[in-house]
Amino acid sequence: MKQIFGVPLWLMKDYLGDLGAVETAPDVMTADGWQASVRKTDPYRIGSLVVGRIEVEFSGDENKLAEVLEKLHWKTMRGGG
């Protein structure tokens, strides 16, 4: 299970769709050789700061997942400063 902060559920589904997945059931994205279940979870709170949080559980062929996770890493990288 991978926790991702600051990316809304709808955007994660969009990212997974860009990587070849389609929504086959509510909050389940399926592609050739891999699948991801996504769900919104309680936000992370630090004092008055509230950051949205989702969880993504991946399953499937390890080689394809490594490729997907590498590409997803670049999509979810947040700039700032």
Protein backbone atom coordinates (compact mmCIF):
# COMPACT_ATOMS: atom_id res chain seq x y z
CA MET A 1 0.00 0.00 0.00
CA LYS A 2 1.42 3.36 -1.01
CA GLN A 3 0.26 6.59 0.64
CA ILE A 4 0.29 9.68 -1.53
CA PHE A 5 -0.14 13.18 -0.14
CA GLY A 6 -1.49 16.22 -1.94
CA VAL A 7 -2.88 14.40 -5.00
CA PRO A 8 -6.68 14.20 -5.15
CA LEU A 9 -8.34 10.88 -5.97
CA TRP A 10 -9.67 12.11 -9.33
CA LEU A 11 -6.19 13.25 -10.38
CA MET A 12 -4.58 9.93 -9.39
CA LYS A 13 -7.14 8.12 -11.54
CA ASP A 14 -6.23 10.49 -14.37
CA TYR A 15 -2.52 9.75 -13.91
CA LEU A 16 -3.16 6.00 -13.89
CA GLY A 17 -5.27 6.40 -17.02
CA ASP A 18 -2.34 8.18 -18.69
CA LEU A 19 -0.29 5.08 -17.87
CA GLY A 20 -2.75 2.81 -19.69
CA ALA A 21 -5.31 1.90 -17.01
CA VAL A 22 -9.09 2.07 -17.25
CA GLU A 23 -11.57 2.09 -14.38
CA THR A 24 -13.09 -1.41 -14.33
CA ALA A 25 -14.93 -1.01 -11.01
CA PRO A 26 -15.38 1.91 -8.63
CA ASP A 27 -11.87 3.04 -7.63
CA VAL A 28 -10.17 0.08 -9.38
CA MET A 29 -7.89 0.90 -12.30
CA THR A 30 -6.78 -2.00 -14.51
CA ALA A 31 -4.16 -2.14 -17.26
CA ASP A 32 -2.26 -4.83 -19.15
CA GLY A 33 -0.36 -6.73 -16.45
CA TRP A 34 -1.20 -4.55 -13.46
CA GLN A 35 -4.02 -3.15 -11.35
CA ALA A 36 -4.36 -0.35 -8.80
CA SER A 37 -7.02 0.13 -6.13
CA VAL A 38 -7.29 3.73 -4.98
CA ARG A 39 -9.11 5.22 -2.04
CA LYS A 40 -9.36 8.50 -0.26
CA THR A 41 -8.29 8.36 3.36
CA ASP A 42 -8.24 10.77 6.29
CA PRO A 43 -6.21 13.92 5.63
CA TYR A 44 -2.85 14.40 7.30
CA ARG A 45 -2.89 17.19 9.88
CA ILE A 46 0.07 19.20 11.17
CA GLY A 47 -1.25 21.90 13.47
CA SER A 48 -3.60 24.00 11.34
CA LEU A 49 -2.22 22.59 8.06
CA VAL A 50 -4.37 19.90 6.43
CA VAL A 51 -3.00 17.85 3.51
CA GLY A 52 -5.20 15.49 1.49
CA ARG A 53 -4.13 11.86 1.38
CA ILE A 54 -4.99 8.82 -0.73
CA GLU A 55 -3.85 5.21 -0.66
CA VAL A 56 -3.01 3.18 -3.73
CA GLU A 57 -2.55 -0.59 -3.66
CA PHE A 58 -0.82 -2.06 -6.70
CA SER A 59 -0.82 -5.66 -7.86
CA GLY A 60 0.42 -7.45 -10.96
CA ASP A 61 3.59 -8.28 -12.85
CA GLU A 62 6.61 -6.96 -10.94
CA ASN A 63 8.43 -5.70 -14.05
CA LYS A 64 5.40 -3.78 -15.28
CA LEU A 65 4.76 -2.39 -11.80
CA ALA A 66 8.35 -1.14 -11.54
CA GLU A 67 7.87 0.68 -14.85
CA VAL A 68 4.50 2.13 -13.78
CA LEU A 69 5.79 3.26 -10.38
CA GLU A 70 8.78 5.00 -11.99
CA LYS A 71 6.49 6.93 -14.35
CA LEU A 72 4.01 7.66 -11.57
CA HIS A 73 6.82 9.05 -9.42
CA TRP A 74 7.50 11.74 -12.02
CA LYS A 75 3.79 12.55 -12.38
CA THR A 76 3.29 13.02 -8.61
CA MET A 77 6.48 14.98 -7.98
CA ARG A 78 5.58 18.40 -6.62
CA GLY A 79 7.65 21.49 -7.10
CA GLY A 80 7.81 24.28 -4.60
CA GLY A 81 10.19 26.38 -2.72
